[in-house]
Amino acid sequence: MTKRQQTRESILNAAWALFAENGYEMTTTRQIARQAGVADGTVFSHFSTKLAMLREGMLSQLNRLGEEVLSQNEEGIGFEIGLSLTEKYYRYYFSHVELSRALLKEIIWDLDYYHTFNQTLFQSISHNMVSIEKMPLLLDCYFMTLITHLSRVEPDVELALKELNIKYENIMNE
């Protein structure tokens, strides 16, 4: 790993730790720089905005969770793996409600981000198991259920997963 990569990783780790400790909104880029042991400007030479750090950190966490699920389900059926990924991701989002809300609030209109995330989320689903026409419906259900439940005063991951599974059953049985 190059020095530049190490610095970037240090900044991202500092940001992630401070987001968890202080919340996304209350964390400043100056705090991130101090925590990472770099100059304020160095943060911006690696990340254009604080949101970019949140996005990359969240994507990194979701990729790690996805790899865990895929390594545990090497012989699973495509749609079942997709359901396992969905559950793992939902549990992560709901255990980090403030960060998840901040991320979703900031990227709600960013279709490129969703496209990248969609590929990560459903890369393991065999097209033999889910018709290509149903994929957009599954993804819409995934995000709308997530947003709906995270926006509640007291988000409940079990209720969200139950609702999502009912929607998925309806789509798959059509």
N, C-alpha and C. Protein backbone atom coordinates (compact mmCIF):
# COMPACT_ATOMS: atom_id res chain seq x y z
N MET A 1 0.85 -1.17 0.00
CA MET A 1 0.00 0.00 0.00
C MET A 1 0.90 1.24 0.00
N THR A 2 0.61 2.17 -0.90
CA THR A 2 1.41 3.38 -1.00
C THR A 2 1.11 4.32 0.17
N LYS A 3 1.96 5.30 0.36
CA LYS A 3 1.76 6.28 1.43
C LYS A 3 0.43 7.02 1.20
N ARG A 4 0.13 7.36 -0.04
CA ARG A 4 -1.13 8.04 -0.35
C ARG A 4 -2.33 7.17 0.03
N GLN A 5 -2.25 5.89 -0.29
CA GLN A 5 -3.34 4.98 0.06
C GLN A 5 -3.47 4.84 1.57
N GLN A 6 -2.34 4.80 2.26
CA GLN A 6 -2.36 4.72 3.73
C GLN A 6 -3.01 5.96 4.33
N THR A 7 -2.67 7.13 3.78
CA THR A 7 -3.25 8.38 4.28
C THR A 7 -4.75 8.39 4.04
N ARG A 8 -5.16 7.98 2.85
CA ARG A 8 -6.60 7.93 2.53
C ARG A 8 -7.32 6.99 3.49
N GLU A 9 -6.74 5.84 3.72
CA GLU A 9 -7.33 4.87 4.65
C GLU A 9 -7.40 5.43 6.07
N SER A 10 -6.37 6.13 6.48
CA SER A 10 -6.34 6.74 7.81
C SER A 10 -7.44 7.79 7.95
N ILE A 11 -7.62 8.59 6.92
CA ILE A 11 -8.67 9.61 6.93
C ILE A 11 -10.05 8.95 7.00
N LEU A 12 -10.24 7.93 6.19
CA LEU A 12 -11.54 7.24 6.17
C LEU A 12 -11.81 6.57 7.51
N ASN A 13 -10.81 5.94 8.11
CA ASN A 13 -10.99 5.31 9.42
C ASN A 13 -11.31 6.35 10.49
N ALA A 14 -10.62 7.49 10.44
CA ALA A 14 -10.88 8.56 11.40
C ALA A 14 -12.30 9.09 11.23
N ALA A 15 -12.70 9.31 9.98
CA ALA A 15 -14.05 9.80 9.71
C ALA A 15 -15.09 8.82 10.24
N TRP A 16 -14.88 7.56 9.96
CA TRP A 16 -15.86 6.54 10.36
C TRP A 16 -15.97 6.47 11.88
N ALA A 17 -14.84 6.53 12.56
CA ALA A 17 -14.84 6.50 14.04
C ALA A 17 -15.55 7.73 14.60
N LEU A 18 -15.28 8.89 14.03
CA LEU A 18 -15.93 10.12 14.52
C LEU A 18 -17.42 10.15 14.18
N PHE A 19 -17.79 9.65 13.01
CA PHE A 19 -19.22 9.56 12.66
C PHE A 19 -19.94 8.71 13.69
N ALA A 20 -19.33 7.59 14.06
CA ALA A 20 -19.95 6.69 15.02
C ALA A 20 -20.02 7.33 16.40
N GLU A 21 -18.99 8.08 16.77
CA GLU A 21 -18.92 8.69 18.10
C GLU A 21 -19.79 9.94 18.22
N ASN A 22 -19.69 10.84 17.23
CA ASN A 22 -20.36 12.15 17.32
C ASN A 22 -21.58 12.30 16.43
N GLY A 23 -21.74 11.38 15.49
CA GLY A 23 -22.79 11.53 14.49
C GLY A 23 -22.24 12.23 13.27
N TYR A 24 -22.83 11.97 12.16
CA TYR A 24 -22.37 12.54 10.89
C TYR A 24 -22.47 14.06 10.90
N GLU A 25 -23.62 14.59 11.27
CA GLU A 25 -23.86 16.03 11.22
C GLU A 25 -22.91 16.80 12.14
N MET A 26 -22.58 16.23 13.29
CA MET A 26 -21.76 16.93 14.28
C MET A 26 -20.26 16.77 14.05
N THR A 27 -19.88 15.94 13.12
CA THR A 27 -18.46 15.74 12.83
C THR A 27 -18.01 16.72 11.76
N THR A 28 -16.89 17.39 12.01
CA THR A 28 -16.36 18.33 11.03
C THR A 28 -15.15 17.71 10.32
N THR A 29 -14.85 18.25 9.16
CA THR A 29 -13.66 17.76 8.45
C THR A 29 -12.39 18.13 9.22
N ARG A 30 -12.42 19.21 9.97
CA ARG A 30 -11.28 19.58 10.80
C ARG A 30 -11.03 18.50 11.87
N GLN A 31 -12.11 18.01 12.50
CA GLN A 31 -11.97 16.94 13.48
C GLN A 31 -11.40 15.68 12.83
N ILE A 32 -11.88 15.39 11.64
CA ILE A 32 -11.40 14.21 10.92
C ILE A 32 -9.90 14.33 10.66
N ALA A 33 -9.48 15.51 10.21
CA ALA A 33 -8.05 15.73 9.94
C ALA A 33 -7.23 15.54 11.21
N ARG A 34 -7.69 16.12 12.32
CA ARG A 34 -6.96 15.98 13.59
C ARG A 34 -6.86 14.51 14.01
N GLN A 35 -7.98 13.81 13.91
CA GLN A 35 -8.01 12.39 14.30
C GLN A 35 -7.07 11.56 13.43
N ALA A 36 -7.00 11.90 12.14
CA ALA A 36 -6.15 11.15 11.20
C ALA A 36 -4.69 11.60 11.26
N GLY A 37 -4.45 12.73 11.93
CA GLY A 37 -3.08 13.23 12.02
C GLY A 37 -2.58 13.85 10.73
N VAL A 38 -3.48 14.50 9.99
CA VAL A 38 -3.11 15.14 8.73
C VAL A 38 -3.58 16.60 8.74
N ALA A 39 -3.06 17.38 7.82
CA ALA A 39 -3.49 18.77 7.66
C ALA A 39 -4.92 18.81 7.11
N ASP A 40 -5.64 19.89 7.43
CA ASP A 40 -7.03 20.02 6.97
C ASP A 40 -7.16 19.84 5.46
N GLY A 41 -6.25 20.46 4.72
CA GLY A 41 -6.30 20.38 3.25
C GLY A 41 -6.06 18.98 2.72
N THR A 42 -5.33 18.18 3.48
CA THR A 42 -5.05 16.81 3.04
C THR A 42 -6.33 15.99 2.93
N VAL A 43 -7.27 16.26 3.83
CA VAL A 43 -8.55 15.56 3.79
C VAL A 43 -9.20 15.78 2.43
N PHE A 44 -9.18 17.04 1.96
CA PHE A 44 -9.84 17.36 0.70
C PHE A 44 -9.04 16.94 -0.52
N SER A 45 -7.79 16.61 -0.33
CA SER A 45 -7.04 16.08 -1.48
C SER A 45 -7.37 14.60 -1.70
N HIS A 46 -8.02 13.99 -0.71
CA HIS A 46 -8.42 12.59 -0.83
C HIS A 46 -9.93 12.41 -1.00
N PHE A 47 -10.71 13.31 -0.42
CA PHE A 47 -12.17 13.24 -0.48
C PHE A 47 -12.71 14.63 -0.78
N SER A 48 -13.56 14.74 -1.75
CA SER A 48 -14.08 16.06 -2.14
C SER A 48 -14.99 16.67 -1.08
N THR A 49 -15.71 15.81 -0.35
CA THR A 49 -16.64 16.29 0.68
C THR A 49 -16.72 15.29 1.83
N LYS A 50 -17.35 15.71 2.89
CA LYS A 50 -17.61 14.82 4.02
C LYS A 50 -18.56 13.70 3.56
N LEU A 51 -19.50 14.05 2.70
CA LEU A 51 -20.42 13.05 2.15
C LEU A 51 -19.67 11.95 1.40
N ALA A 52 -18.62 12.32 0.68
CA ALA A 52 -17.83 11.32 -0.04
C ALA A 52 -17.22 10.32 0.93
N MET A 53 -16.81 10.80 2.12
CA MET A 53 -16.28 9.89 3.14
C MET A 53 -17.36 8.97 3.67
N LEU A 54 -18.54 9.53 3.90
CA LEU A 54 -19.66 8.72 4.38
C LEU A 54 -20.02 7.65 3.36
N ARG A 55 -20.12 8.05 2.11
CA ARG A 55 -20.46 7.09 1.05
C ARG A 55 -19.43 5.97 0.95
N GLU A 56 -18.16 6.34 0.88
CA GLU A 56 -17.13 5.32 0.73
C GLU A 56 -17.07 4.41 1.95
N GLY A 57 -17.22 5.01 3.12
CA GLY A 57 -17.21 4.20 4.35
C GLY A 57 -18.38 3.23 4.40
N MET A 58 -19.56 3.70 4.03
CA MET A 58 -20.74 2.84 4.05
C MET A 58 -20.61 1.75 2.99
N LEU A 59 -20.17 2.10 1.81
CA LEU A 59 -19.99 1.11 0.76
C LEU A 59 -18.97 0.06 1.16
N SER A 60 -17.91 0.51 1.83
CA SER A 60 -16.89 -0.41 2.32
C SER A 60 -17.48 -1.39 3.33
N GLN A 61 -18.29 -0.88 4.25
CA GLN A 61 -18.93 -1.74 5.25
C GLN A 61 -19.88 -2.73 4.58
N LEU A 62 -20.67 -2.26 3.63
CA LEU A 62 -21.62 -3.14 2.95
C LEU A 62 -20.90 -4.19 2.10
N ASN A 63 -19.81 -3.81 1.48
CA ASN A 63 -19.03 -4.78 0.71
C ASN A 63 -18.47 -5.87 1.63
N ARG A 64 -17.98 -5.45 2.81
CA ARG A 64 -17.46 -6.42 3.78
C ARG A 64 -18.57 -7.38 4.22
N LEU A 65 -19.74 -6.84 4.50
CA LEU A 65 -20.87 -7.69 4.90
C LEU A 65 -21.28 -8.62 3.76
N GLY A 66 -21.27 -8.10 2.55
CA GLY A 66 -21.62 -8.92 1.39
C GLY A 66 -20.65 -10.08 1.20
N GLU A 67 -19.37 -9.80 1.38
CA GLU A 67 -18.38 -10.87 1.27
C GLU A 67 -18.59 -11.94 2.34
N GLU A 68 -18.97 -11.53 3.55
CA GLU A 68 -19.27 -12.49 4.62
C GLU A 68 -20.41 -13.41 4.20
N VAL A 69 -21.49 -12.81 3.72
CA VAL A 69 -22.67 -13.58 3.33
C VAL A 69 -22.32 -14.52 2.19
N LEU A 70 -21.62 -14.02 1.19
CA LEU A 70 -21.29 -14.85 0.03
C LEU A 70 -20.36 -16.00 0.40
N SER A 71 -19.44 -15.78 1.33
CA SER A 71 -18.53 -16.85 1.73
C SER A 71 -19.26 -17.92 2.55
N GLN A 72 -20.33 -17.54 3.23
CA GLN A 72 -21.09 -18.50 4.04
C GLN A 72 -22.14 -19.23 3.21
N ASN A 73 -22.45 -18.73 2.03
CA ASN A 73 -23.52 -19.30 1.20
C ASN A 73 -23.01 -19.68 -0.19
N GLU A 74 -21.86 -20.28 -0.25
CA GLU A 74 -21.25 -20.58 -1.55
C GLU A 74 -22.11 -21.47 -2.42
N GLU A 75 -22.93 -22.32 -1.81
CA GLU A 75 -23.74 -23.24 -2.60
C GLU A 75 -25.22 -22.89 -2.59
N GLY A 76 -25.56 -21.72 -2.06
CA GLY A 76 -26.95 -21.32 -1.98
C GLY A 76 -27.53 -20.96 -3.33
N ILE A 77 -28.84 -20.90 -3.37
CA ILE A 77 -29.56 -20.51 -4.58
C ILE A 77 -29.52 -18.99 -4.66
N GLY A 78 -29.41 -18.45 -5.85
CA GLY A 78 -29.24 -17.02 -6.07
C GLY A 78 -30.18 -16.14 -5.28
N PHE A 79 -31.48 -16.40 -5.35
CA PHE A 79 -32.44 -15.54 -4.66
C PHE A 79 -32.28 -15.65 -3.15
N GLU A 80 -31.98 -16.84 -2.65
CA GLU A 80 -31.76 -17.02 -1.21
C GLU A 80 -30.55 -16.22 -0.74
N ILE A 81 -29.51 -16.17 -1.55
CA ILE A 81 -28.34 -15.37 -1.22
C ILE A 81 -28.72 -13.89 -1.19
N GLY A 82 -29.52 -13.48 -2.17
CA GLY A 82 -30.01 -12.09 -2.19
C GLY A 82 -30.78 -11.74 -0.94
N LEU A 83 -31.61 -12.67 -0.47
CA LEU A 83 -32.36 -12.44 0.77
C LEU A 83 -31.42 -12.35 1.97
N SER A 84 -30.39 -13.20 1.99
CA SER A 84 -29.40 -13.14 3.08
C SER A 84 -28.66 -11.81 3.08
N LEU A 85 -28.29 -11.35 1.88
CA LEU A 85 -27.63 -10.05 1.77
C LEU A 85 -28.55 -8.94 2.26
N THR A 86 -29.79 -8.99 1.82
CA THR A 86 -30.75 -7.97 2.22
C THR A 86 -30.88 -7.92 3.73
N GLU A 87 -31.03 -9.07 4.36
CA GLU A 87 -31.18 -9.10 5.81
C GLU A 87 -29.94 -8.55 6.50
N LYS A 88 -28.77 -8.95 6.06
CA LYS A 88 -27.51 -8.49 6.66
C LYS A 88 -27.38 -6.97 6.52
N TYR A 89 -27.68 -6.46 5.32
CA TYR A 89 -27.58 -5.02 5.09
C TYR A 89 -28.60 -4.25 5.92
N TYR A 90 -29.84 -4.73 5.95
CA TYR A 90 -30.86 -4.06 6.76
C TYR A 90 -30.43 -4.02 8.23
N ARG A 91 -29.93 -5.12 8.74
CA ARG A 91 -29.50 -5.14 10.15
C ARG A 91 -28.37 -4.13 10.38
N TYR A 92 -27.50 -3.99 9.41
CA TYR A 92 -26.42 -3.01 9.54
C TYR A 92 -27.01 -1.59 9.53
N TYR A 93 -27.86 -1.31 8.55
CA TYR A 93 -28.46 0.02 8.48
C TYR A 93 -29.21 0.37 9.78
N PHE A 94 -29.96 -0.58 10.31
CA PHE A 94 -30.76 -0.30 11.49
C PHE A 94 -29.92 -0.24 12.76
N SER A 95 -28.75 -0.83 12.75
CA SER A 95 -27.87 -0.71 13.92
C SER A 95 -27.03 0.57 13.84
N HIS A 96 -27.08 1.26 12.71
CA HIS A 96 -26.39 2.54 12.52
C HIS A 96 -27.40 3.53 11.92
N VAL A 97 -28.49 3.75 12.64
CA VAL A 97 -29.62 4.53 12.12
C VAL A 97 -29.20 5.93 11.70
N GLU A 98 -28.45 6.62 12.54
CA GLU A 98 -28.11 8.02 12.24
C GLU A 98 -27.26 8.11 10.97
N LEU A 99 -26.27 7.25 10.84
CA LEU A 99 -25.44 7.25 9.64
C LEU A 99 -26.26 6.86 8.41
N SER A 100 -27.12 5.88 8.57
CA SER A 100 -27.96 5.43 7.45
C SER A 100 -28.90 6.54 7.00
N ARG A 101 -29.52 7.22 7.96
CA ARG A 101 -30.40 8.33 7.61
C ARG A 101 -29.64 9.43 6.89
N ALA A 102 -28.46 9.75 7.39
CA ALA A 102 -27.65 10.80 6.76
C ALA A 102 -27.30 10.41 5.33
N LEU A 103 -26.89 9.19 5.14
CA LEU A 103 -26.52 8.73 3.81
C LEU A 103 -27.72 8.77 2.87
N LEU A 104 -28.82 8.20 3.30
CA LEU A 104 -30.01 8.15 2.44
C LEU A 104 -30.53 9.56 2.14
N LYS A 105 -30.47 10.43 3.13
CA LYS A 105 -30.92 11.81 2.93
C LYS A 105 -30.07 12.51 1.87
N GLU A 106 -28.79 12.30 1.93
CA GLU A 106 -27.87 12.98 1.02
C GLU A 106 -27.87 12.40 -0.39
N ILE A 107 -28.16 11.12 -0.54
CA ILE A 107 -28.02 10.50 -1.85
C ILE A 107 -29.34 10.10 -2.49
N ILE A 108 -30.44 10.52 -1.91
CA ILE A 108 -31.74 10.07 -2.38
C ILE A 108 -31.95 10.33 -3.88
N TRP A 109 -31.33 11.37 -4.42
CA TRP A 109 -31.52 11.69 -5.83
C TRP A 109 -30.34 11.27 -6.68
N ASP A 110 -29.39 10.57 -6.11
CA ASP A 110 -28.18 10.21 -6.85
C ASP A 110 -28.31 8.81 -7.44
N LEU A 111 -28.81 8.73 -8.64
CA LEU A 111 -29.07 7.44 -9.28
C LEU A 111 -27.80 6.66 -9.58
N ASP A 112 -26.69 7.35 -9.85
CA ASP A 112 -25.43 6.64 -10.09
C ASP A 112 -25.00 5.86 -8.85
N TYR A 113 -25.17 6.46 -7.68
CA TYR A 113 -24.83 5.76 -6.44
C TYR A 113 -25.70 4.51 -6.29
N TYR A 114 -27.00 4.68 -6.49
CA TYR A 114 -27.90 3.54 -6.37
C TYR A 114 -27.53 2.44 -7.35
N HIS A 115 -27.16 2.81 -8.57
CA HIS A 115 -26.78 1.81 -9.56
C HIS A 115 -25.59 1.00 -9.07
N THR A 116 -24.59 1.67 -8.54
CA THR A 116 -23.40 0.98 -7.99
C THR A 116 -23.81 0.06 -6.86
N PHE A 117 -24.64 0.57 -5.97
CA PHE A 117 -25.08 -0.22 -4.83
C PHE A 117 -25.91 -1.41 -5.29
N ASN A 118 -26.80 -1.20 -6.24
CA ASN A 118 -27.64 -2.28 -6.74
C ASN A 118 -26.81 -3.43 -7.27
N GLN A 119 -25.74 -3.11 -8.00
CA GLN A 119 -24.88 -4.17 -8.53
C GLN A 119 -24.24 -4.95 -7.39
N THR A 120 -23.81 -4.26 -6.35
CA THR A 120 -23.20 -4.92 -5.20
C THR A 120 -24.22 -5.81 -4.49
N LEU A 121 -25.41 -5.27 -4.29
CA LEU A 121 -26.43 -5.98 -3.54
C LEU A 121 -26.89 -7.25 -4.24
N PHE A 122 -27.13 -7.18 -5.52
CA PHE A 122 -27.75 -8.31 -6.21
C PHE A 122 -26.83 -9.01 -7.20
N GLN A 123 -25.52 -8.83 -7.07
CA GLN A 123 -24.58 -9.44 -8.01
C GLN A 123 -24.65 -10.96 -7.98
N SER A 124 -25.09 -11.52 -6.87
CA SER A 124 -25.07 -12.98 -6.74
C SER A 124 -26.37 -13.65 -7.20
N ILE A 125 -27.38 -12.86 -7.53
CA ILE A 125 -28.66 -13.46 -7.90
C ILE A 125 -28.59 -13.96 -9.34
N SER A 126 -28.88 -15.21 -9.50
CA SER A 126 -28.88 -15.81 -10.83
C SER A 126 -30.09 -15.31 -11.62
N HIS A 127 -29.84 -14.93 -12.85
CA HIS A 127 -30.96 -14.49 -13.69
C HIS A 127 -31.92 -15.63 -14.00
N ASN A 128 -31.49 -16.86 -13.74
CA ASN A 128 -32.40 -17.99 -13.89
C ASN A 128 -33.42 -18.03 -12.76
N MET A 129 -33.06 -17.43 -11.62
CA MET A 129 -33.94 -17.46 -10.45
C MET A 129 -34.88 -16.25 -10.41
N VAL A 130 -34.42 -15.12 -10.93
CA VAL A 130 -35.21 -13.89 -10.91
C VAL A 130 -35.18 -13.31 -12.32
N SER A 131 -36.36 -13.12 -12.88
CA SER A 131 -36.38 -12.55 -14.22
C SER A 131 -35.87 -11.12 -14.18
N ILE A 132 -35.24 -10.74 -15.25
CA ILE A 132 -34.65 -9.41 -15.34
C ILE A 132 -35.71 -8.32 -15.17
N GLU A 133 -36.94 -8.61 -15.54
CA GLU A 133 -38.03 -7.65 -15.41
C GLU A 133 -38.41 -7.40 -13.95
N LYS A 134 -38.18 -8.38 -13.10
CA LYS A 134 -38.55 -8.24 -11.69
C LYS A 134 -37.49 -7.53 -10.85
N MET A 135 -36.27 -7.46 -11.35
CA MET A 135 -35.19 -6.85 -10.58
C MET A 135 -35.50 -5.41 -10.17
N PRO A 136 -35.98 -4.55 -11.08
CA PRO A 136 -36.29 -3.18 -10.65
C PRO A 136 -37.35 -3.13 -9.55
N LEU A 137 -38.32 -4.02 -9.60
CA LEU A 137 -39.34 -4.06 -8.55
C LEU A 137 -38.74 -4.47 -7.21
N LEU A 138 -37.87 -5.47 -7.23
CA LEU A 138 -37.21 -5.91 -6.01
C LEU A 138 -36.37 -4.78 -5.41
N LEU A 139 -35.66 -4.07 -6.27
CA LEU A 139 -34.81 -2.97 -5.80
C LEU A 139 -35.65 -1.81 -5.27
N ASP A 140 -36.74 -1.49 -5.95
CA ASP A 140 -37.63 -0.44 -5.47
C ASP A 140 -38.18 -0.80 -4.09
N CYS A 141 -38.61 -2.03 -3.94
CA CYS A 141 -39.13 -2.48 -2.64
C CYS A 141 -38.05 -2.38 -1.57
N TYR A 142 -36.85 -2.80 -1.93
CA TYR A 142 -35.73 -2.76 -0.99
C TYR A 142 -35.53 -1.34 -0.45
N PHE A 143 -35.38 -0.37 -1.36
CA PHE A 143 -35.08 0.99 -0.93
C PHE A 143 -36.28 1.69 -0.29
N MET A 144 -37.46 1.51 -0.84
CA MET A 144 -38.61 2.20 -0.26
C MET A 144 -38.95 1.66 1.13
N THR A 145 -38.83 0.37 1.32
CA THR A 145 -39.07 -0.20 2.64
C THR A 145 -38.01 0.29 3.62
N LEU A 146 -36.77 0.31 3.19
CA LEU A 146 -35.67 0.81 4.03
C LEU A 146 -35.91 2.26 4.43
N ILE A 147 -36.20 3.11 3.47
CA ILE A 147 -36.43 4.53 3.74
C ILE A 147 -37.64 4.72 4.64
N THR A 148 -38.72 4.02 4.36
CA THR A 148 -39.94 4.15 5.15
C THR A 148 -39.67 3.80 6.62
N HIS A 149 -39.00 2.69 6.84
CA HIS A 149 -38.79 2.24 8.22
C HIS A 149 -37.70 3.02 8.94
N LEU A 150 -36.67 3.45 8.24
CA LEU A 150 -35.64 4.27 8.90
C LEU A 150 -36.15 5.66 9.25
N SER A 151 -37.19 6.12 8.56
CA SER A 151 -37.73 7.45 8.85
C SER A 151 -38.67 7.47 10.06
N ARG A 152 -38.98 6.32 10.58
CA ARG A 152 -39.86 6.26 11.76
C ARG A 152 -39.12 6.70 13.01
N VAL A 153 -39.86 7.15 14.00
CA VAL A 153 -39.27 7.61 15.26
C VAL A 153 -38.46 6.49 15.90
N GLU A 154 -39.02 5.30 15.90
CA GLU A 154 -38.32 4.14 16.45
C GLU A 154 -38.27 3.04 15.38
N PRO A 155 -37.23 3.07 14.56
CA PRO A 155 -37.11 2.07 13.49
C PRO A 155 -37.02 0.65 14.04
N ASP A 156 -37.71 -0.26 13.40
CA ASP A 156 -37.76 -1.65 13.83
C ASP A 156 -37.34 -2.54 12.66
N VAL A 157 -36.14 -3.11 12.76
CA VAL A 157 -35.60 -3.91 11.66
C VAL A 157 -36.44 -5.16 11.41
N GLU A 158 -36.96 -5.77 12.46
CA GLU A 158 -37.76 -6.99 12.28
C GLU A 158 -39.03 -6.69 11.50
N LEU A 159 -39.68 -5.60 11.82
CA LEU A 159 -40.90 -5.20 11.11
C LEU A 159 -40.58 -4.87 9.65
N ALA A 160 -39.48 -4.18 9.43
CA ALA A 160 -39.07 -3.83 8.07
C ALA A 160 -38.78 -5.08 7.24
N LEU A 161 -38.04 -6.02 7.83
CA LEU A 161 -37.72 -7.26 7.11
C LEU A 161 -38.97 -8.08 6.82
N LYS A 162 -39.89 -8.11 7.77
CA LYS A 162 -41.14 -8.85 7.56
C LYS A 162 -41.93 -8.24 6.40
N GLU A 163 -42.04 -6.92 6.40
CA GLU A 163 -42.75 -6.23 5.32
C GLU A 163 -42.06 -6.45 3.97
N LEU A 164 -40.74 -6.36 3.96
CA LEU A 164 -39.99 -6.55 2.73
C LEU A 164 -40.16 -7.96 2.19
N ASN A 165 -40.11 -8.96 3.07
CA ASN A 165 -40.27 -10.34 2.62
C ASN A 165 -41.66 -10.59 2.03
N ILE A 166 -42.68 -9.97 2.60
CA ILE A 166 -44.04 -10.10 2.04
C ILE A 166 -44.08 -9.50 0.64
N LYS A 167 -43.46 -8.33 0.47
CA LYS A 167 -43.43 -7.70 -0.85
C LYS A 167 -42.68 -8.58 -1.85
N TYR A 168 -41.55 -9.13 -1.42
CA TYR A 168 -40.77 -10.00 -2.30
C TYR A 168 -41.56 -11.24 -2.69
N GLU A 169 -42.26 -11.82 -1.74
CA GLU A 169 -43.09 -13.01 -2.03
C GLU A 169 -44.12 -12.66 -3.09
N ASN A 170 -44.78 -11.53 -2.93
CA ASN A 170 -45.80 -11.11 -3.90
C ASN A 170 -45.21 -10.92 -5.29
N ILE A 171 -44.05 -10.32 -5.36
CA ILE A 171 -43.41 -10.10 -6.67
C ILE A 171 -42.99 -11.43 -7.30
N MET A 172 -42.42 -12.29 -6.51
CA MET A 172 -41.91 -13.57 -7.04
C MET A 172 -43.03 -14.51 -7.44
N ASN A 173 -44.20 -14.37 -6.81
CA ASN A 173 -45.32 -15.26 -7.12
C ASN A 173 -46.19 -14.75 -8.27
N GLU A 174 -45.86 -13.61 -8.80
CA GLU A 174 -46.64 -13.08 -9.94
C GLU A 174 -46.37 -13.86 -11.19
